[in-house]
Structure formats: structure tokens, C-alpha cells
Amino acid sequence: GSNWGFWDYYIIENKVIVNKTWATQ
């Protein structure tokens, strides 16, 4: 609803997780 895109970096797994809003932004 607020158009907030979030991402998380998982250092140990060396991966990035993003929410749908991040992609659509």
C-alpha cells in the first residue's frame, strides 16, 4: 500500500531476497 520495496542480503548464503514491490518499483 505504501509502495515500499524491501531487500535483504543473506551474507552466509550470499543471496539477495526482494519483495514484489521492489521488483515493480
mmCIF file of all heavy atoms, coordinates in Angstrom:
data_MODEL
# 
_entry.id   MODEL 
# 
loop_
_atom_site.group_PDB 
_atom_site.id 
_atom_site.type_symbol 
_atom_site.label_atom_id 
_atom_site.label_alt_id 
_atom_site.label_comp_id 
_atom_site.label_asym_id 
_atom_site.label_entity_id 
_atom_site.label_seq_id 
_atom_site.pdbx_PDB_ins_code 
_atom_site.Cartn_x 
_atom_site.Cartn_y 
_atom_site.Cartn_z 
_atom_site.occupancy 
_atom_site.B_iso_or_equiv 
_atom_site.pdbx_formal_charge 
_atom_site.auth_seq_id 
_atom_site.auth_comp_id 
_atom_site.auth_asym_id 
_atom_site.auth_atom_id 
_atom_site.pdbx_PDB_model_num 
ATOM 1   N N   . GLY A 1 1  ? 0.800  -1.221  0.000   1.00 0.00 ? 1  GLY A N   1 
ATOM 2   C CA  . GLY A 1 1  ? 0.000  0.000   0.000   1.00 0.00 ? 1  GLY A CA  1 
ATOM 3   C C   . GLY A 1 1  ? 0.832  1.270   0.000   1.00 0.00 ? 1  GLY A C   1 
ATOM 4   O O   . GLY A 1 1  ? 0.426  2.299   -0.539  1.00 0.00 ? 1  GLY A O   1 
ATOM 5   N N   . SER A 1 2  ? 2.014  1.209   0.589   1.00 0.00 ? 2  SER A N   1 
ATOM 6   C CA  . SER A 1 2  ? 2.875  2.388   0.654   1.00 0.00 ? 2  SER A CA  1 
ATOM 7   C C   . SER A 1 2  ? 3.948  2.377   -0.425  1.00 0.00 ? 2  SER A C   1 
ATOM 8   O O   . SER A 1 2  ? 4.757  3.289   -0.500  1.00 0.00 ? 2  SER A O   1 
ATOM 9   C CB  . SER A 1 2  ? 3.528  2.478   2.030   1.00 0.00 ? 2  SER A CB  1 
ATOM 10  O OG  . SER A 1 2  ? 4.328  1.340   2.254   1.00 0.00 ? 2  SER A OG  1 
ATOM 11  N N   . ASN A 1 3  ? 3.965  1.329   -1.237  1.00 0.00 ? 3  ASN A N   1 
ATOM 12  C CA  . ASN A 1 3  ? 4.936  1.164   -2.319  1.00 0.00 ? 3  ASN A CA  1 
ATOM 13  C C   . ASN A 1 3  ? 6.368  1.105   -1.782  1.00 0.00 ? 3  ASN A C   1 
ATOM 14  O O   . ASN A 1 3  ? 7.277  1.698   -2.332  1.00 0.00 ? 3  ASN A O   1 
ATOM 15  C CB  . ASN A 1 3  ? 4.789  2.266   -3.374  1.00 0.00 ? 3  ASN A CB  1 
ATOM 16  C CG  . ASN A 1 3  ? 5.474  1.896   -4.670  1.00 0.00 ? 3  ASN A CG  1 
ATOM 17  O OD1 . ASN A 1 3  ? 5.520  0.740   -5.059  1.00 0.00 ? 3  ASN A OD1 1 
ATOM 18  N ND2 . ASN A 1 3  ? 6.024  2.886   -5.343  1.00 0.00 ? 3  ASN A ND2 1 
ATOM 19  N N   . TRP A 1 4  ? 6.558  0.355   -0.696  1.00 0.00 ? 4  TRP A N   1 
ATOM 20  C CA  . TRP A 1 4  ? 7.882  0.163   -0.119  1.00 0.00 ? 4  TRP A CA  1 
ATOM 21  C C   . TRP A 1 4  ? 8.506  -1.101  -0.679  1.00 0.00 ? 4  TRP A C   1 
ATOM 22  O O   . TRP A 1 4  ? 7.976  -2.190  -0.550  1.00 0.00 ? 4  TRP A O   1 
ATOM 23  C CB  . TRP A 1 4  ? 7.822  0.010   1.396   1.00 0.00 ? 4  TRP A CB  1 
ATOM 24  C CG  . TRP A 1 4  ? 7.566  1.271   2.151   1.00 0.00 ? 4  TRP A CG  1 
ATOM 25  C CD1 . TRP A 1 4  ? 7.542  2.538   1.670   1.00 0.00 ? 4  TRP A CD1 1 
ATOM 26  C CD2 . TRP A 1 4  ? 7.278  1.372   3.539   1.00 0.00 ? 4  TRP A CD2 1 
ATOM 27  N NE1 . TRP A 1 4  ? 7.259  3.418   2.667   1.00 0.00 ? 4  TRP A NE1 1 
ATOM 28  C CE2 . TRP A 1 4  ? 7.103  2.734   3.822   1.00 0.00 ? 4  TRP A CE2 1 
ATOM 29  C CE3 . TRP A 1 4  ? 7.171  0.444   4.553   1.00 0.00 ? 4  TRP A CE3 1 
ATOM 30  C CZ2 . TRP A 1 4  ? 6.811  3.195   5.099   1.00 0.00 ? 4  TRP A CZ2 1 
ATOM 31  C CZ3 . TRP A 1 4  ? 6.881  0.899   5.817   1.00 0.00 ? 4  TRP A CZ3 1 
ATOM 32  C CH2 . TRP A 1 4  ? 6.708  2.261   6.085   1.00 0.00 ? 4  TRP A CH2 1 
ATOM 33  N N   . GLY A 1 5  ? 9.638  -0.947  -1.305  1.00 0.00 ? 5  GLY A N   1 
ATOM 34  C CA  . GLY A 1 5  ? 10.393 -2.100  -1.760  1.00 0.00 ? 5  GLY A CA  1 
ATOM 35  C C   . GLY A 1 5  ? 11.413 -2.474  -0.707  1.00 0.00 ? 5  GLY A C   1 
ATOM 36  O O   . GLY A 1 5  ? 12.122 -1.615  -0.189  1.00 0.00 ? 5  GLY A O   1 
ATOM 37  N N   . PHE A 1 6  ? 11.470 -3.741  -0.370  1.00 0.00 ? 6  PHE A N   1 
ATOM 38  C CA  . PHE A 1 6  ? 12.414 -4.229  0.632   1.00 0.00 ? 6  PHE A CA  1 
ATOM 39  C C   . PHE A 1 6  ? 13.353 -5.252  0.018   1.00 0.00 ? 6  PHE A C   1 
ATOM 40  O O   . PHE A 1 6  ? 12.977 -5.992  -0.890  1.00 0.00 ? 6  PHE A O   1 
ATOM 41  C CB  . PHE A 1 6  ? 11.677 -4.918  1.798   1.00 0.00 ? 6  PHE A CB  1 
ATOM 42  C CG  . PHE A 1 6  ? 10.888 -3.987  2.654   1.00 0.00 ? 6  PHE A CG  1 
ATOM 43  C CD1 . PHE A 1 6  ? 9.507  -3.927  2.536   1.00 0.00 ? 6  PHE A CD1 1 
ATOM 44  C CD2 . PHE A 1 6  ? 11.512 -3.190  3.590   1.00 0.00 ? 6  PHE A CD2 1 
ATOM 45  C CE1 . PHE A 1 6  ? 8.763  -3.086  3.332   1.00 0.00 ? 6  PHE A CE1 1 
ATOM 46  C CE2 . PHE A 1 6  ? 10.781 -2.333  4.398   1.00 0.00 ? 6  PHE A CE2 1 
ATOM 47  C CZ  . PHE A 1 6  ? 9.394  -2.287  4.272   1.00 0.00 ? 6  PHE A CZ  1 
ATOM 48  N N   . TRP A 1 7  ? 14.554 -5.288  0.537   1.00 0.00 ? 7  TRP A N   1 
ATOM 49  C CA  . TRP A 1 7  ? 15.508 -6.319  0.143   1.00 0.00 ? 7  TRP A CA  1 
ATOM 50  C C   . TRP A 1 7  ? 16.306 -6.709  1.375   1.00 0.00 ? 7  TRP A C   1 
ATOM 51  O O   . TRP A 1 7  ? 16.491 -5.917  2.294   1.00 0.00 ? 7  TRP A O   1 
ATOM 52  C CB  . TRP A 1 7  ? 16.423 -5.843  -0.977  1.00 0.00 ? 7  TRP A CB  1 
ATOM 53  C CG  . TRP A 1 7  ? 17.206 -4.600  -0.669  1.00 0.00 ? 7  TRP A CG  1 
ATOM 54  C CD1 . TRP A 1 7  ? 16.799 -3.307  -0.844  1.00 0.00 ? 7  TRP A CD1 1 
ATOM 55  C CD2 . TRP A 1 7  ? 18.527 -4.513  -0.126  1.00 0.00 ? 7  TRP A CD2 1 
ATOM 56  N NE1 . TRP A 1 7  ? 17.773 -2.433  -0.442  1.00 0.00 ? 7  TRP A NE1 1 
ATOM 57  C CE2 . TRP A 1 7  ? 18.859 -3.148  0.001   1.00 0.00 ? 7  TRP A CE2 1 
ATOM 58  C CE3 . TRP A 1 7  ? 19.458 -5.467  0.261   1.00 0.00 ? 7  TRP A CE3 1 
ATOM 59  C CZ2 . TRP A 1 7  ? 20.074 -2.706  0.505   1.00 0.00 ? 7  TRP A CZ2 1 
ATOM 60  C CZ3 . TRP A 1 7  ? 20.685 -5.031  0.759   1.00 0.00 ? 7  TRP A CZ3 1 
ATOM 61  C CH2 . TRP A 1 7  ? 20.972 -3.659  0.866   1.00 0.00 ? 7  TRP A CH2 1 
ATOM 62  N N   . ASP A 1 8  ? 16.736 -7.944  1.383   1.00 0.00 ? 8  ASP A N   1 
ATOM 63  C CA  . ASP A 1 8  ? 17.587 -8.471  2.447   1.00 0.00 ? 8  ASP A CA  1 
ATOM 64  C C   . ASP A 1 8  ? 18.771 -9.169  1.800   1.00 0.00 ? 8  ASP A C   1 
ATOM 65  O O   . ASP A 1 8  ? 18.610 -9.868  0.800   1.00 0.00 ? 8  ASP A O   1 
ATOM 66  C CB  . ASP A 1 8  ? 16.853 -9.512  3.295   1.00 0.00 ? 8  ASP A CB  1 
ATOM 67  C CG  . ASP A 1 8  ? 15.949 -8.904  4.337   1.00 0.00 ? 8  ASP A CG  1 
ATOM 68  O OD1 . ASP A 1 8  ? 16.245 -7.801  4.814   1.00 0.00 ? 8  ASP A OD1 1 
ATOM 69  O OD2 . ASP A 1 8  ? 14.948 -9.559  4.687   1.00 0.00 ? 8  ASP A OD2 1 
ATOM 70  N N   . TYR A 1 9  ? 19.930 -8.971  2.394   1.00 0.00 ? 9  TYR A N   1 
ATOM 71  C CA  . TYR A 1 9  ? 21.129 -9.663  1.932   1.00 0.00 ? 9  TYR A CA  1 
ATOM 72  C C   . TYR A 1 9  ? 21.500 -10.688 2.987   1.00 0.00 ? 9  TYR A C   1 
ATOM 73  O O   . TYR A 1 9  ? 21.742 -10.349 4.145   1.00 0.00 ? 9  TYR A O   1 
ATOM 74  C CB  . TYR A 1 9  ? 22.264 -8.670  1.708   1.00 0.00 ? 9  TYR A CB  1 
ATOM 75  C CG  . TYR A 1 9  ? 23.594 -9.305  1.369   1.00 0.00 ? 9  TYR A CG  1 
ATOM 76  C CD1 . TYR A 1 9  ? 23.686 -10.308 0.420   1.00 0.00 ? 9  TYR A CD1 1 
ATOM 77  C CD2 . TYR A 1 9  ? 24.753 -8.906  1.995   1.00 0.00 ? 9  TYR A CD2 1 
ATOM 78  C CE1 . TYR A 1 9  ? 24.899 -10.897 0.103   1.00 0.00 ? 9  TYR A CE1 1 
ATOM 79  C CE2 . TYR A 1 9  ? 25.975 -9.476  1.688   1.00 0.00 ? 9  TYR A CE2 1 
ATOM 80  C CZ  . TYR A 1 9  ? 26.037 -10.474 0.747   1.00 0.00 ? 9  TYR A CZ  1 
ATOM 81  O OH  . TYR A 1 9  ? 27.241 -11.058 0.433   1.00 0.00 ? 9  TYR A OH  1 
ATOM 82  N N   . TYR A 1 10 ? 21.539 -11.943 2.600   1.00 0.00 ? 10 TYR A N   1 
ATOM 83  C CA  . TYR A 1 10 ? 21.915 -13.024 3.487   1.00 0.00 ? 10 TYR A CA  1 
ATOM 84  C C   . TYR A 1 10 ? 23.389 -13.331 3.239   1.00 0.00 ? 10 TYR A C   1 
ATOM 85  O O   . TYR A 1 10 ? 23.740 -13.979 2.253   1.00 0.00 ? 10 TYR A O   1 
ATOM 86  C CB  . TYR A 1 10 ? 21.039 -14.265 3.231   1.00 0.00 ? 10 TYR A CB  1 
ATOM 87  C CG  . TYR A 1 10 ? 19.613 -14.059 3.688   1.00 0.00 ? 10 TYR A CG  1 
ATOM 88  C CD1 . TYR A 1 10 ? 18.733 -13.281 2.960   1.00 0.00 ? 10 TYR A CD1 1 
ATOM 89  C CD2 . TYR A 1 10 ? 19.172 -14.638 4.868   1.00 0.00 ? 10 TYR A CD2 1 
ATOM 90  C CE1 . TYR A 1 10 ? 17.436 -13.069 3.390   1.00 0.00 ? 10 TYR A CE1 1 
ATOM 91  C CE2 . TYR A 1 10 ? 17.872 -14.441 5.306   1.00 0.00 ? 10 TYR A CE2 1 
ATOM 92  C CZ  . TYR A 1 10 ? 17.011 -13.654 4.559   1.00 0.00 ? 10 TYR A CZ  1 
ATOM 93  O OH  . TYR A 1 10 ? 15.720 -13.448 4.988   1.00 0.00 ? 10 TYR A OH  1 
ATOM 94  N N   . ILE A 1 11 ? 24.222 -12.837 4.124   1.00 0.00 ? 11 ILE A N   1 
ATOM 95  C CA  . ILE A 1 11 ? 25.672 -12.888 3.941   1.00 0.00 ? 11 ILE A CA  1 
ATOM 96  C C   . ILE A 1 11 ? 26.180 -14.321 3.856   1.00 0.00 ? 11 ILE A C   1 
ATOM 97  O O   . ILE A 1 11 ? 26.946 -14.663 2.954   1.00 0.00 ? 11 ILE A O   1 
ATOM 98  C CB  . ILE A 1 11 ? 26.387 -12.123 5.067   1.00 0.00 ? 11 ILE A CB  1 
ATOM 99  C CG1 . ILE A 1 11 ? 26.032 -10.639 4.998   1.00 0.00 ? 11 ILE A CG1 1 
ATOM 100 C CG2 . ILE A 1 11 ? 27.892 -12.311 4.976   1.00 0.00 ? 11 ILE A CG2 1 
ATOM 101 C CD1 . ILE A 1 11 ? 26.497 -9.830  6.182   1.00 0.00 ? 11 ILE A CD1 1 
ATOM 102 N N   . ILE A 1 12 ? 25.771 -15.164 4.778   1.00 0.00 ? 12 ILE A N   1 
ATOM 103 C CA  . ILE A 1 12 ? 26.289 -16.531 4.811   1.00 0.00 ? 12 ILE A CA  1 
ATOM 104 C C   . ILE A 1 12 ? 25.916 -17.284 3.542   1.00 0.00 ? 12 ILE A C   1 
ATOM 105 O O   . ILE A 1 12 ? 26.741 -17.978 2.954   1.00 0.00 ? 12 ILE A O   1 
ATOM 106 C CB  . ILE A 1 12 ? 25.801 -17.267 6.071   1.00 0.00 ? 12 ILE A CB  1 
ATOM 107 C CG1 . ILE A 1 12 ? 26.412 -16.600 7.312   1.00 0.00 ? 12 ILE A CG1 1 
ATOM 108 C CG2 . ILE A 1 12 ? 26.151 -18.749 6.018   1.00 0.00 ? 12 ILE A CG2 1 
ATOM 109 C CD1 . ILE A 1 12 ? 25.861 -17.091 8.630   1.00 0.00 ? 12 ILE A CD1 1 
ATOM 110 N N   . GLU A 1 13 ? 24.666 -17.126 3.092   1.00 0.00 ? 13 GLU A N   1 
ATOM 111 C CA  . GLU A 1 13 ? 24.223 -17.814 1.873   1.00 0.00 ? 13 GLU A CA  1 
ATOM 112 C C   . GLU A 1 13 ? 24.599 -17.053 0.609   1.00 0.00 ? 13 GLU A C   1 
ATOM 113 O O   . GLU A 1 13 ? 24.435 -17.548 -0.489  1.00 0.00 ? 13 GLU A O   1 
ATOM 114 C CB  . GLU A 1 13 ? 22.704 -18.023 1.892   1.00 0.00 ? 13 GLU A CB  1 
ATOM 115 C CG  . GLU A 1 13 ? 22.218 -18.960 2.968   1.00 0.00 ? 13 GLU A CG  1 
ATOM 116 C CD  . GLU A 1 13 ? 21.808 -18.218 4.242   1.00 0.00 ? 13 GLU A CD  1 
ATOM 117 O OE1 . GLU A 1 13 ? 22.051 -16.995 4.343   1.00 0.00 ? 13 GLU A OE1 1 
ATOM 118 O OE2 . GLU A 1 13 ? 21.260 -18.863 5.146   1.00 0.00 ? 13 GLU A OE2 1 
ATOM 119 N N   . ASN A 1 14 ? 25.047 -15.806 0.785   1.00 0.00 ? 14 ASN A N   1 
ATOM 120 C CA  . ASN A 1 14 ? 25.412 -14.932 -0.335  1.00 0.00 ? 14 ASN A CA  1 
ATOM 121 C C   . ASN A 1 14 ? 24.264 -14.808 -1.345  1.00 0.00 ? 14 ASN A C   1 
ATOM 122 O O   . ASN A 1 14 ? 24.440 -15.012 -2.539  1.00 0.00 ? 14 ASN A O   1 
ATOM 123 C CB  . ASN A 1 14 ? 26.683 -15.403 -1.030  1.00 0.00 ? 14 ASN A CB  1 
ATOM 124 C CG  . ASN A 1 14 ? 27.286 -14.312 -1.886  1.00 0.00 ? 14 ASN A CG  1 
ATOM 125 O OD1 . ASN A 1 14 ? 27.176 -13.129 -1.567  1.00 0.00 ? 14 ASN A OD1 1 
ATOM 126 N ND2 . ASN A 1 14 ? 27.908 -14.683 -2.983  1.00 0.00 ? 14 ASN A ND2 1 
ATOM 127 N N   . LYS A 1 15 ? 23.077 -14.478 -0.801  1.00 0.00 ? 15 LYS A N   1 
ATOM 128 C CA  . LYS A 1 15 ? 21.922 -14.307 -1.675  1.00 0.00 ? 15 LYS A CA  1 
ATOM 129 C C   . LYS A 1 15 ? 21.150 -13.059 -1.278  1.00 0.00 ? 15 LYS A C   1 
ATOM 130 O O   . LYS A 1 15 ? 21.262 -12.570 -0.152  1.00 0.00 ? 15 LYS A O   1 
ATOM 131 C CB  . LYS A 1 15 ? 21.020 -15.542 -1.650  1.00 0.00 ? 15 LYS A CB  1 
ATOM 132 C CG  . LYS A 1 15 ? 20.361 -15.820 -0.326  1.00 0.00 ? 15 LYS A CG  1 
ATOM 133 C CD  . LYS A 1 15 ? 19.539 -17.103 -0.407  1.00 0.00 ? 15 LYS A CD  1 
ATOM 134 C CE  . LYS A 1 15 ? 18.888 -17.424 0.923   1.00 0.00 ? 15 LYS A CE  1 
ATOM 135 N NZ  . LYS A 1 15 ? 18.126 -18.674 0.864   1.00 0.00 ? 15 LYS A NZ  1 
ATOM 136 N N   . VAL A 1 16 ? 20.388 -12.560 -2.220  1.00 0.00 ? 16 VAL A N   1 
ATOM 137 C CA  . VAL A 1 16 ? 19.569 -11.373 -2.012  1.00 0.00 ? 16 VAL A CA  1 
ATOM 138 C C   . VAL A 1 16 ? 18.106 -11.780 -2.155  1.00 0.00 ? 16 VAL A C   1 
ATOM 139 O O   . VAL A 1 16 ? 17.731 -12.440 -3.127  1.00 0.00 ? 16 VAL A O   1 
ATOM 140 C CB  . VAL A 1 16 ? 19.906 -10.274 -3.044  1.00 0.00 ? 16 VAL A CB  1 
ATOM 141 C CG1 . VAL A 1 16 ? 19.020 -9.058  -2.855  1.00 0.00 ? 16 VAL A CG1 1 
ATOM 142 C CG2 . VAL A 1 16 ? 21.376 -9.886  -2.947  1.00 0.00 ? 16 VAL A CG2 1 
ATOM 143 N N   . ILE A 1 17 ? 17.300 -11.393 -1.177  1.00 0.00 ? 17 ILE A N   1 
ATOM 144 C CA  . ILE A 1 17 ? 15.862 -11.648 -1.193  1.00 0.00 ? 17 ILE A CA  1 
ATOM 145 C C   . ILE A 1 17 ? 15.176 -10.292 -1.359  1.00 0.00 ? 17 ILE A C   1 
ATOM 146 O O   . ILE A 1 17 ? 15.533 -9.331  -0.681  1.00 0.00 ? 17 ILE A O   1 
ATOM 147 C CB  . ILE A 1 17 ? 15.397 -12.300 0.130   1.00 0.00 ? 17 ILE A CB  1 
ATOM 148 C CG1 . ILE A 1 17 ? 16.203 -13.539 0.464   1.00 0.00 ? 17 ILE A CG1 1 
ATOM 149 C CG2 . ILE A 1 17 ? 13.905 -12.586 0.101   1.00 0.00 ? 17 ILE A CG2 1 
ATOM 150 C CD1 . ILE A 1 17 ? 15.998 -14.700 -0.461  1.00 0.00 ? 17 ILE A CD1 1 
ATOM 151 N N   . VAL A 1 18 ? 14.215 -10.218 -2.278  1.00 0.00 ? 18 VAL A N   1 
ATOM 152 C CA  . VAL A 1 18 ? 13.485 -8.964  -2.510  1.00 0.00 ? 18 VAL A CA  1 
ATOM 153 C C   . VAL A 1 18 ? 11.986 -9.236  -2.465  1.00 0.00 ? 18 VAL A C   1 
ATOM 154 O O   . VAL A 1 18 ? 11.533 -10.333 -2.755  1.00 0.00 ? 18 VAL A O   1 
ATOM 155 C CB  . VAL A 1 18 ? 13.869 -8.312  -3.865  1.00 0.00 ? 18 VAL A CB  1 
ATOM 156 C CG1 . VAL A 1 18 ? 15.340 -7.951  -3.893  1.00 0.00 ? 18 VAL A CG1 1 
ATOM 157 C CG2 . VAL A 1 18 ? 13.515 -9.210  -5.039  1.00 0.00 ? 18 VAL A CG2 1 
ATOM 158 N N   . ASN A 1 19 ? 11.217 -8.196  -2.109  1.00 0.00 ? 19 ASN A N   1 
ATOM 159 C CA  . ASN A 1 19 ? 9.772  -8.371  -2.152  1.00 0.00 ? 19 ASN A CA  1 
ATOM 160 C C   . ASN A 1 19 ? 9.251  -7.985  -3.540  1.00 0.00 ? 19 ASN A C   1 
ATOM 161 O O   . ASN A 1 19 ? 9.990  -7.449  -4.375  1.00 0.00 ? 19 ASN A O   1 
ATOM 162 C CB  . ASN A 1 19 ? 9.074  -7.601  -1.023  1.00 0.00 ? 19 ASN A CB  1 
ATOM 163 C CG  . ASN A 1 19 ? 9.127  -6.096  -1.155  1.00 0.00 ? 19 ASN A CG  1 
ATOM 164 O OD1 . ASN A 1 19 ? 9.859  -5.536  -1.972  1.00 0.00 ? 19 ASN A OD1 1 
ATOM 165 N ND2 . ASN A 1 19 ? 8.346  -5.408  -0.346  1.00 0.00 ? 19 ASN A ND2 1 
ATOM 166 N N   . LYS A 1 20 ? 7.992  -8.280  -3.778  1.00 0.00 ? 20 LYS A N   1 
ATOM 167 C CA  . LYS A 1 20 ? 7.394  -7.992  -5.090  1.00 0.00 ? 20 LYS A CA  1 
ATOM 168 C C   . LYS A 1 20 ? 7.448  -6.506  -5.404  1.00 0.00 ? 20 LYS A C   1 
ATOM 169 O O   . LYS A 1 20 ? 7.711  -6.113  -6.535  1.00 0.00 ? 20 LYS A O   1 
ATOM 170 C CB  . LYS A 1 20 ? 5.947  -8.475  -5.135  1.00 0.00 ? 20 LYS A CB  1 
ATOM 171 C CG  . LYS A 1 20 ? 5.795  -9.956  -5.225  1.00 0.00 ? 20 LYS A CG  1 
ATOM 172 C CD  . LYS A 1 20 ? 4.318  -10.343 -5.302  1.00 0.00 ? 20 LYS A CD  1 
ATOM 173 C CE  . LYS A 1 20 ? 4.165  -11.840 -5.406  1.00 0.00 ? 20 LYS A CE  1 
ATOM 174 N NZ  . LYS A 1 20 ? 2.743  -12.238 -5.477  1.00 0.00 ? 20 LYS A NZ  1 
ATOM 175 N N   . THR A 1 21 ? 7.206  -5.683  -4.402  1.00 0.00 ? 21 THR A N   1 
ATOM 176 C CA  . THR A 1 21 ? 7.188  -4.232  -4.623  1.00 0.00 ? 21 THR A CA  1 
ATOM 177 C C   . THR A 1 21 ? 8.536  -3.737  -5.114  1.00 0.00 ? 21 THR A C   1 
ATOM 178 O O   . THR A 1 21 ? 8.604  -2.865  -5.975  1.00 0.00 ? 21 THR A O   1 
ATOM 179 C CB  . THR A 1 21 ? 6.760  -3.497  -3.337  1.00 0.00 ? 21 THR A CB  1 
ATOM 180 O OG1 . THR A 1 21 ? 5.482  -3.986  -2.928  1.00 0.00 ? 21 THR A OG1 1 
ATOM 181 C CG2 . THR A 1 21 ? 6.676  -2.003  -3.561  1.00 0.00 ? 21 THR A CG2 1 
ATOM 182 N N   . TRP A 1 22 ? 9.623  -4.289  -4.598  1.00 0.00 ? 22 TRP A N   1 
ATOM 183 C CA  . TRP A 1 22 ? 10.958 -3.882  -5.045  1.00 0.00 ? 22 TRP A CA  1 
ATOM 184 C C   . TRP A 1 22 ? 11.075 -4.081  -6.553  1.00 0.00 ? 22 TRP A C   1 
ATOM 185 O O   . TRP A 1 22 ? 11.574 -3.217  -7.269  1.00 0.00 ? 22 TRP A O   1 
ATOM 186 C CB  . TRP A 1 22 ? 12.031 -4.677  -4.292  1.00 0.00 ? 22 TRP A CB  1 
ATOM 187 C CG  . TRP A 1 22 ? 13.423 -4.269  -4.641  1.00 0.00 ? 22 TRP A CG  1 
ATOM 188 C CD1 . TRP A 1 22 ? 14.153 -3.283  -4.035  1.00 0.00 ? 22 TRP A CD1 1 
ATOM 189 C CD2 . TRP A 1 22 ? 14.251 -4.806  -5.672  1.00 0.00 ? 22 TRP A CD2 1 
ATOM 190 N NE1 . TRP A 1 22 ? 15.396 -3.190  -4.635  1.00 0.00 ? 22 TRP A NE1 1 
ATOM 191 C CE2 . TRP A 1 22 ? 15.477 -4.112  -5.652  1.00 0.00 ? 22 TRP A CE2 1 
ATOM 192 C CE3 . TRP A 1 22 ? 14.083 -5.801  -6.617  1.00 0.00 ? 22 TRP A CE3 1 
ATOM 193 C CZ2 . TRP A 1 22 ? 16.521 -4.386  -6.522  1.00 0.00 ? 22 TRP A CZ2 1 
ATOM 194 C CZ3 . TRP A 1 22 ? 15.122 -6.082  -7.490  1.00 0.00 ? 22 TRP A CZ3 1 
ATOM 195 C CH2 . TRP A 1 22 ? 16.318 -5.371  -7.436  1.00 0.00 ? 22 TRP A CH2 1 
ATOM 196 N N   . ALA A 1 23 ? 10.616 -5.227  -7.033  1.00 0.00 ? 23 ALA A N   1 
ATOM 197 C CA  . ALA A 1 23 ? 10.693 -5.520  -8.474  1.00 0.00 ? 23 ALA A CA  1 
ATOM 198 C C   . ALA A 1 23 ? 9.828  -4.557  -9.278  1.00 0.00 ? 23 ALA A C   1 
ATOM 199 O O   . ALA A 1 23 ? 10.265 -4.018  -10.294 1.00 0.00 ? 23 ALA A O   1 
ATOM 200 C CB  . ALA A 1 23 ? 10.276 -6.961  -8.734  1.00 0.00 ? 23 ALA A CB  1 
ATOM 201 N N   . THR A 1 24 ? 8.608  -4.313  -8.807  1.00 0.00 ? 24 THR A N   1 
ATOM 202 C CA  . THR A 1 24 ? 7.704  -3.445  -9.575  1.00 0.00 ? 24 THR A CA  1 
ATOM 203 C C   . THR A 1 24 ? 8.150  -1.985  -9.528  1.00 0.00 ? 24 THR A C   1 
ATOM 204 O O   . THR A 1 24 ? 7.883  -1.239  -10.470 1.00 0.00 ? 24 THR A O   1 
ATOM 205 C CB  . THR A 1 24 ? 6.242  -3.583  -9.098  1.00 0.00 ? 24 THR A CB  1 
ATOM 206 O OG1 . THR A 1 24 ? 6.152  -3.224  -7.720  1.00 0.00 ? 24 THR A OG1 1 
ATOM 207 C CG2 . THR A 1 24 ? 5.736  -4.996  -9.318  1.00 0.00 ? 24 THR A CG2 1 
ATOM 208 N N   . GLN A 1 25 ? 8.838  -1.581  -8.468  1.00 0.00 ? 25 GLN A N   1 
ATOM 209 C CA  . GLN A 1 25 ? 9.370  -0.213  -8.418  1.00 0.00 ? 25 GLN A CA  1 
ATOM 210 C C   . GLN A 1 25 ? 10.356 0.032   -9.558  1.00 0.00 ? 25 GLN A C   1 
ATOM 211 O O   . GLN A 1 25 ? 10.498 1.152   -10.015 1.00 0.00 ? 25 GLN A O   1 
ATOM 212 C CB  . GLN A 1 25 ? 10.067 0.060   -7.087  1.00 0.00 ? 25 GLN A CB  1 
ATOM 213 C CG  . GLN A 1 25 ? 9.140  0.290   -5.948  1.00 0.00 ? 25 GLN A CG  1 
ATOM 214 C CD  . GLN A 1 25 ? 9.898  0.539   -4.663  1.00 0.00 ? 25 GLN A CD  1 
ATOM 215 O OE1 . GLN A 1 25 ? 10.977 -0.009  -4.433  1.00 0.00 ? 25 GLN A OE1 1 
ATOM 216 N NE2 . GLN A 1 25 ? 9.333  1.364   -3.810  1.00 0.00 ? 25 GLN A NE2 1 
# 
